[in-house]
Amino acid sequence: MAFRWRYLDASAATIDGPDERFDDQQEAESWFSDVWPELREAGVDAVVLLDGDEEVYGPMSLQDGT
């Protein structure tokens, strides 16, 4: 399976975001740690990490203090 991120808006609806695929969870998390500020500025409120179609964890808020 490939790891990828699902992007959510403030109402928890899925929205478009970068369609990046990763071989492992560490690679996905490393990429995310570099780009989360840009995602937040683009209107992403939270993310869910997926392994294929299975949720690994989330939603994880991108907002300060939440």
PDB file of N, CA and C in Angstrom:
ATOM      1  N   MET A   1       0.833  -1.190   0.000  1.00  0.00           N
ATOM      2  CA  MET A   1       0.000   0.000   0.000  1.00  0.00           C
ATOM      3  C   MET A   1       0.875   1.250   0.000  1.00  0.00           C
ATOM      4  N   ALA A   2       0.277   2.351  -0.378  1.00  0.00           N
ATOM      5  CA  ALA A   2       0.972   3.632  -0.381  1.00  0.00           C
ATOM      6  C   ALA A   2       0.355   4.539   0.679  1.00  0.00           C
ATOM      7  N   PHE A   3       1.200   5.239   1.386  1.00  0.00           N
ATOM      8  CA  PHE A   3       0.725   6.212   2.358  1.00  0.00           C
ATOM      9  C   PHE A   3       0.427   7.514   1.637  1.00  0.00           C
ATOM     10  N   ARG A   4      -0.632   8.191   2.094  1.00  0.00           N
ATOM     11  CA  ARG A   4      -1.020   9.475   1.519  1.00  0.00           C
ATOM     12  C   ARG A   4      -1.828  10.229   2.554  1.00  0.00           C
ATOM     13  N   TRP A   5      -2.056  11.502   2.289  1.00  0.00           N
ATOM     14  CA  TRP A   5      -2.811  12.347   3.206  1.00  0.00           C
ATOM     15  C   TRP A   5      -4.175  12.673   2.629  1.00  0.00           C
ATOM     16  N   ARG A   6      -5.197  12.698   3.489  1.00  0.00           N
ATOM     17  CA  ARG A   6      -6.518  13.231   3.145  1.00  0.00           C
ATOM     18  C   ARG A   6      -6.590  14.610   3.791  1.00  0.00           C
ATOM     19  N   TYR A   7      -7.063  15.581   3.051  1.00  0.00           N
ATOM     20  CA  TYR A   7      -7.116  16.968   3.511  1.00  0.00           C
ATOM     21  C   TYR A   7      -8.559  17.342   3.831  1.00  0.00           C
ATOM     22  N   LEU A   8      -8.759  18.022   4.960  1.00  0.00           N
ATOM     23  CA  LEU A   8     -10.098  18.375   5.422  1.00  0.00           C
ATOM     24  C   LEU A   8     -10.215  19.878   5.634  1.00  0.00           C
ATOM     25  N   ASP A   9     -11.415  20.415   5.365  1.00  0.00           N
ATOM     26  CA  ASP A   9     -11.674  21.815   5.666  1.00  0.00           C
ATOM     27  C   ASP A   9     -12.225  21.934   7.087  1.00  0.00           C
ATOM     28  N   ALA A  10     -12.636  23.138   7.480  1.00  0.00           N
ATOM     29  CA  ALA A  10     -13.083  23.380   8.849  1.00  0.00           C
ATOM     30  C   ALA A  10     -14.342  22.601   9.207  1.00  0.00           C
ATOM     31  N   SER A  11     -15.129  22.184   8.209  1.00  0.00           N
ATOM     32  CA  SER A  11     -16.335  21.393   8.487  1.00  0.00           C
ATOM     33  C   SER A  11     -16.067  19.892   8.375  1.00  0.00           C
ATOM     34  N   ALA A  12     -14.796  19.519   8.255  1.00  0.00           N
ATOM     35  CA  ALA A  12     -14.344  18.126   8.156  1.00  0.00           C
ATOM     36  C   ALA A  12     -14.695  17.476   6.818  1.00  0.00           C
ATOM     37  N   ALA A  13     -14.992  18.310   5.812  1.00  0.00           N
ATOM     38  CA  ALA A  13     -15.230  17.788   4.465  1.00  0.00           C
ATOM     39  C   ALA A  13     -13.893  17.616   3.752  1.00  0.00           C
ATOM     40  N   THR A  14     -13.780  16.574   2.949  1.00  0.00           N
ATOM     41  CA  THR A  14     -12.560  16.334   2.179  1.00  0.00           C
ATOM     42  C   THR A  14     -12.408  17.398   1.109  1.00  0.00           C
ATOM     43  N   ILE A  15     -11.200  17.946   1.005  1.00  0.00           N
ATOM     44  CA  ILE A  15     -10.890  18.947  -0.013  1.00  0.00           C
ATOM     45  C   ILE A  15      -9.641  18.510  -0.776  1.00  0.00           C
ATOM     46  N   ASP A  16      -9.410  19.155  -1.912  1.00  0.00           N
ATOM     47  CA  ASP A  16      -8.241  18.839  -2.721  1.00  0.00           C
ATOM     48  C   ASP A  16      -6.972  19.340  -2.049  1.00  0.00           C
ATOM     49  N   GLY A  17      -5.905  18.589  -2.270  1.00  0.00           N
ATOM     50  CA  GLY A  17      -4.585  18.953  -1.785  1.00  0.00           C
ATOM     51  C   GLY A  17      -3.563  18.213  -2.619  1.00  0.00           C
ATOM     52  N   PRO A  18      -2.298  18.353  -2.307  1.00  0.00           N
ATOM     53  CA  PRO A  18      -1.259  17.666  -3.072  1.00  0.00           C
ATOM     54  C   PRO A  18      -1.484  16.152  -3.095  1.00  0.00           C
ATOM     55  N   ASP A  19      -1.384  15.564  -4.269  1.00  0.00           N
ATOM     56  CA  ASP A  19      -1.593  14.115  -4.418  1.00  0.00           C
ATOM     57  C   ASP A  19      -0.248  13.407  -4.348  1.00  0.00           C
ATOM     58  N   GLU A  20       0.326  13.413  -3.163  1.00  0.00           N
ATOM     59  CA  GLU A  20       1.623  12.785  -2.929  1.00  0.00           C
ATOM     60  C   GLU A  20       1.411  11.375  -2.389  1.00  0.00           C
ATOM     61  N   ARG A  21       2.232  10.442  -2.831  1.00  0.00           N
ATOM     62  CA  ARG A  21       2.196   9.050  -2.352  1.00  0.00           C
ATOM     63  C   ARG A  21       3.575   8.704  -1.789  1.00  0.00           C
ATOM     64  N   PHE A  22       3.598   7.937  -0.713  1.00  0.00           N
ATOM     65  CA  PHE A  22       4.840   7.637  -0.017  1.00  0.00           C
ATOM     66  C   PHE A  22       4.938   6.135   0.250  1.00  0.00           C
ATOM     67  N   ASP A  23       6.165   5.632   0.242  1.00  0.00           N
ATOM     68  CA  ASP A  23       6.395   4.205   0.467  1.00  0.00           C
ATOM     69  C   ASP A  23       6.198   3.786   1.913  1.00  0.00           C
ATOM     70  N   ASP A  24       6.413   4.721   2.852  1.00  0.00           N
ATOM     71  CA  ASP A  24       6.255   4.362   4.258  1.00  0.00           C
ATOM     72  C   ASP A  24       5.756   5.551   5.067  1.00  0.00           C
ATOM     73  N   GLN A  25       5.326   5.275   6.273  1.00  0.00           N
ATOM     74  CA  GLN A  25       4.747   6.293   7.137  1.00  0.00           C
ATOM     75  C   GLN A  25       5.750   7.379   7.479  1.00  0.00           C
ATOM     76  N   GLN A  26       6.984   7.007   7.740  1.00  0.00           N
ATOM     77  CA  GLN A  26       8.010   7.993   8.098  1.00  0.00           C
ATOM     78  C   GLN A  26       8.219   8.995   6.969  1.00  0.00           C
ATOM     79  N   GLU A  27       8.248   8.524   5.738  1.00  0.00           N
ATOM     80  CA  GLU A  27       8.415   9.413   4.589  1.00  0.00           C
ATOM     81  C   GLU A  27       7.232  10.373   4.479  1.00  0.00           C
ATOM     82  N   ALA A  28       6.014   9.869   4.674  1.00  0.00           N
ATOM     83  CA  ALA A  28       4.820  10.710   4.619  1.00  0.00           C
ATOM     84  C   ALA A  28       4.850  11.778   5.708  1.00  0.00           C
ATOM     85  N   GLU A  29       5.228  11.390   6.909  1.00  0.00           N
ATOM     86  CA  GLU A  29       5.267  12.334   8.022  1.00  0.00           C
ATOM     87  C   GLU A  29       6.376  13.362   7.848  1.00  0.00           C
ATOM     88  N   SER A  30       7.504  12.963   7.292  1.00  0.00           N
ATOM     89  CA  SER A  30       8.599  13.895   7.034  1.00  0.00           C
ATOM     90  C   SER A  30       8.174  14.952   6.023  1.00  0.00           C
ATOM     91  N   TRP A  31       7.521  14.514   4.941  1.00  0.00           N
ATOM     92  CA  TRP A  31       7.014  15.455   3.934  1.00  0.00           C
ATOM     93  C   TRP A  31       6.030  16.424   4.570  1.00  0.00           C
ATOM     94  N   PHE A  32       5.106  15.891   5.357  1.00  0.00           N
ATOM     95  CA  PHE A  32       4.089  16.715   5.998  1.00  0.00           C
ATOM     96  C   PHE A  32       4.717  17.764   6.913  1.00  0.00           C
ATOM     97  N   SER A  33       5.739  17.381   7.661  1.00  0.00           N
ATOM     98  CA  SER A  33       6.363  18.332   8.593  1.00  0.00           C
ATOM     99  C   SER A  33       6.976  19.520   7.858  1.00  0.00           C
ATOM    100  N   ASP A  34       7.332  19.325   6.592  1.00  0.00           N
ATOM    101  CA  ASP A  34       7.897  20.413   5.786  1.00  0.00           C
ATOM    102  C   ASP A  34       6.838  21.313   5.164  1.00  0.00           C
ATOM    103  N   VAL A  35       5.646  20.781   4.890  1.00  0.00           N
ATOM    104  CA  VAL A  35       4.664  21.541   4.104  1.00  0.00           C
ATOM    105  C   VAL A  35       3.412  21.958   4.863  1.00  0.00           C
ATOM    106  N   TRP A  36       3.252  21.572   6.122  1.00  0.00           N
ATOM    107  CA  TRP A  36       1.994  21.871   6.793  1.00  0.00           C
ATOM    108  C   TRP A  36       1.665  23.361   6.848  1.00  0.00           C
ATOM    109  N   PRO A  37       2.638  24.275   6.991  1.00  0.00           N
ATOM    110  CA  PRO A  37       2.249  25.695   7.006  1.00  0.00           C
ATOM    111  C   PRO A  37       1.607  26.134   5.677  1.00  0.00           C
ATOM    112  N   GLU A  38       2.123  25.631   4.564  1.00  0.00           N
ATOM    113  CA  GLU A  38       1.548  25.976   3.262  1.00  0.00           C
ATOM    114  C   GLU A  38       0.152  25.376   3.101  1.00  0.00           C
ATOM    115  N   LEU A  39      -0.028  24.162   3.610  1.00  0.00           N
ATOM    116  CA  LEU A  39      -1.351  23.541   3.553  1.00  0.00           C
ATOM    117  C   LEU A  39      -2.360  24.368   4.340  1.00  0.00           C
ATOM    118  N   ARG A  40      -1.977  24.799   5.526  1.00  0.00           N
ATOM    119  CA  ARG A  40      -2.869  25.611   6.357  1.00  0.00           C
ATOM    120  C   ARG A  40      -3.232  26.913   5.647  1.00  0.00           C
ATOM    121  N   GLU A  41      -2.248  27.558   5.043  1.00  0.00           N
ATOM    122  CA  GLU A  41      -2.507  28.799   4.309  1.00  0.00           C
ATOM    123  C   GLU A  41      -3.433  28.573   3.110  1.00  0.00           C
ATOM    124  N   ALA A  42      -3.409  27.358   2.559  1.00  0.00           N
ATOM    125  CA  ALA A  42      -4.245  27.029   1.406  1.00  0.00           C
ATOM    126  C   ALA A  42      -5.656  26.610   1.815  1.00  0.00           C
ATOM    127  N   GLY A  43      -5.965  26.639   3.115  1.00  0.00           N
ATOM    128  CA  GLY A  43      -7.307  26.334   3.574  1.00  0.00           C
ATOM    129  C   GLY A  43      -7.511  24.949   4.147  1.00  0.00           C
ATOM    130  N   VAL A  44      -6.428  24.185   4.300  1.00  0.00           N
ATOM    131  CA  VAL A  44      -6.546  22.865   4.927  1.00  0.00           C
ATOM    132  C   VAL A  44      -6.618  23.070   6.436  1.00  0.00           C
ATOM    133  N   ASP A  45      -7.663  22.522   7.053  1.00  0.00           N
ATOM    134  CA  ASP A  45      -7.857  22.674   8.489  1.00  0.00           C
ATOM    135  C   ASP A  45      -7.307  21.486   9.270  1.00  0.00           C
ATOM    136  N   ALA A  46      -7.345  20.295   8.655  1.00  0.00           N
ATOM    137  CA  ALA A  46      -6.888  19.076   9.325  1.00  0.00           C
ATOM    138  C   ALA A  46      -6.504  18.048   8.268  1.00  0.00           C
ATOM    139  N   VAL A  47      -5.762  17.031   8.700  1.00  0.00           N
ATOM    140  CA  VAL A  47      -5.344  15.959   7.791  1.00  0.00           C
ATOM    141  C   VAL A  47      -5.568  14.606   8.449  1.00  0.00           C
ATOM    142  N   VAL A  48      -5.690  13.597   7.598  1.00  0.00           N
ATOM    143  CA  VAL A  48      -5.779  12.203   8.033  1.00  0.00           C
ATOM    144  C   VAL A  48      -4.733  11.441   7.242  1.00  0.00           C
ATOM    145  N   LEU A  49      -3.914  10.648   7.923  1.00  0.00           N
ATOM    146  CA  LEU A  49      -2.937   9.812   7.236  1.00  0.00           C
ATOM    147  C   LEU A  49      -3.598   8.501   6.852  1.00  0.00           C
ATOM    148  N   LEU A  50      -3.445   8.130   5.585  1.00  0.00           N
ATOM    149  CA  LEU A  50      -4.022   6.896   5.062  1.00  0.00           C
ATOM    150  C   LEU A  50      -2.923   5.952   4.604  1.00  0.00           C
ATOM    151  N   ASP A  51      -3.176   4.668   4.772  1.00  0.00           N
ATOM    152  CA  ASP A  51      -2.347   3.611   4.188  1.00  0.00           C
ATOM    153  C   ASP A  51      -3.278   2.886   3.227  1.00  0.00           C
ATOM    154  N   GLY A  52      -3.166   3.210   1.943  1.00  0.00           N
ATOM    155  CA  GLY A  52      -4.167   2.749   0.987  1.00  0.00           C
ATOM    156  C   GLY A  52      -5.459   3.485   1.284  1.00  0.00           C
ATOM    157  N   ASP A  53      -6.519   2.740   1.599  1.00  0.00           N
ATOM    158  CA  ASP A  53      -7.797   3.354   1.973  1.00  0.00           C
ATOM    159  C   ASP A  53      -8.053   3.292   3.472  1.00  0.00           C
ATOM    160  N   GLU A  54      -7.115   2.724   4.232  1.00  0.00           N
ATOM    161  CA  GLU A  54      -7.281   2.575   5.682  1.00  0.00           C
ATOM    162  C   GLU A  54      -6.685   3.773   6.418  1.00  0.00           C
ATOM    163  N   GLU A  55      -7.455   4.319   7.380  1.00  0.00           N
ATOM    164  CA  GLU A  55      -6.951   5.421   8.192  1.00  0.00           C
ATOM    165  C   GLU A  55      -5.905   4.921   9.176  1.00  0.00           C
ATOM    166  N   VAL A  56      -4.746   5.586   9.204  1.00  0.00           N
ATOM    167  CA  VAL A  56      -3.693   5.289  10.174  1.00  0.00           C
ATOM    168  C   VAL A  56      -3.943   6.114  11.429  1.00  0.00           C
ATOM    169  N   TYR A  57      -4.171   7.429  11.258  1.00  0.00           N
ATOM    170  CA  TYR A  57      -4.556   8.310  12.364  1.00  0.00           C
ATOM    171  C   TYR A  57      -5.125   9.597  11.815  1.00  0.00           C
ATOM    172  N   GLY A  58      -5.738  10.339  12.705  1.00  0.00           N
ATOM    173  CA  GLY A  58      -6.318  11.615  12.347  1.00  0.00           C
ATOM    174  C   GLY A  58      -7.813  11.598  12.629  1.00  0.00           C
ATOM    175  N   PRO A  59      -8.453  12.718  12.451  1.00  0.00           N
ATOM    176  CA  PRO A  59      -7.896  13.936  11.894  1.00  0.00           C
ATOM    177  C   PRO A  59      -6.969  14.653  12.881  1.00  0.00           C
ATOM    178  N   MET A  60      -5.977  15.290  12.305  1.00  0.00           N
ATOM    179  CA  MET A  60      -4.997  16.043  13.059  1.00  0.00           C
ATOM    180  C   MET A  60      -5.117  17.507  12.611  1.00  0.00           C
ATOM    181  N   SER A  61      -5.451  18.379  13.551  1.00  0.00           N
ATOM    182  CA  SER A  61      -5.677  19.789  13.249  1.00  0.00           C
ATOM    183  C   SER A  61      -4.377  20.491  12.861  1.00  0.00           C
ATOM    184  N   LEU A  62      -4.489  21.422  11.932  1.00  0.00           N
ATOM    185  CA  LEU A  62      -3.355  22.267  11.560  1.00  0.00           C
ATOM    186  C   LEU A  62      -3.453  23.644  12.191  1.00  0.00           C
ATOM    187  N   GLN A  63      -4.449  23.853  13.022  1.00  0.00           N
ATOM    188  CA  GLN A  63      -4.664  25.152  13.644  1.00  0.00           C
ATOM    189  C   GLN A  63      -3.893  25.241  14.957  1.00  0.00           C
ATOM    190  N   ASP A  64      -3.447  26.421  15.296  1.00  0.00           N
ATOM    191  CA  ASP A  64      -2.695  26.630  16.532  1.00  0.00           C
ATOM    192  C   ASP A  64      -3.512  26.262  17.754  1.00  0.00           C
ATOM    193  N   GLY A  65      -2.920  25.472  18.639  1.00  0.00           N
ATOM    194  CA  GLY A  65      -3.521  25.170  19.916  1.00  0.00           C
ATOM    195  C   GLY A  65      -4.698  24.223  19.874  1.00  0.00           C
ATOM    196  N   THR A  66      -4.887  23.502  18.748  1.00  0.00           N
ATOM    197  CA  THR A  66      -6.012  22.573  18.682  1.00  0.00           C
ATOM    198  C   THR A  66      -5.546  21.198  18.317  1.00  0.00           C
TER     199      THR A  66
END
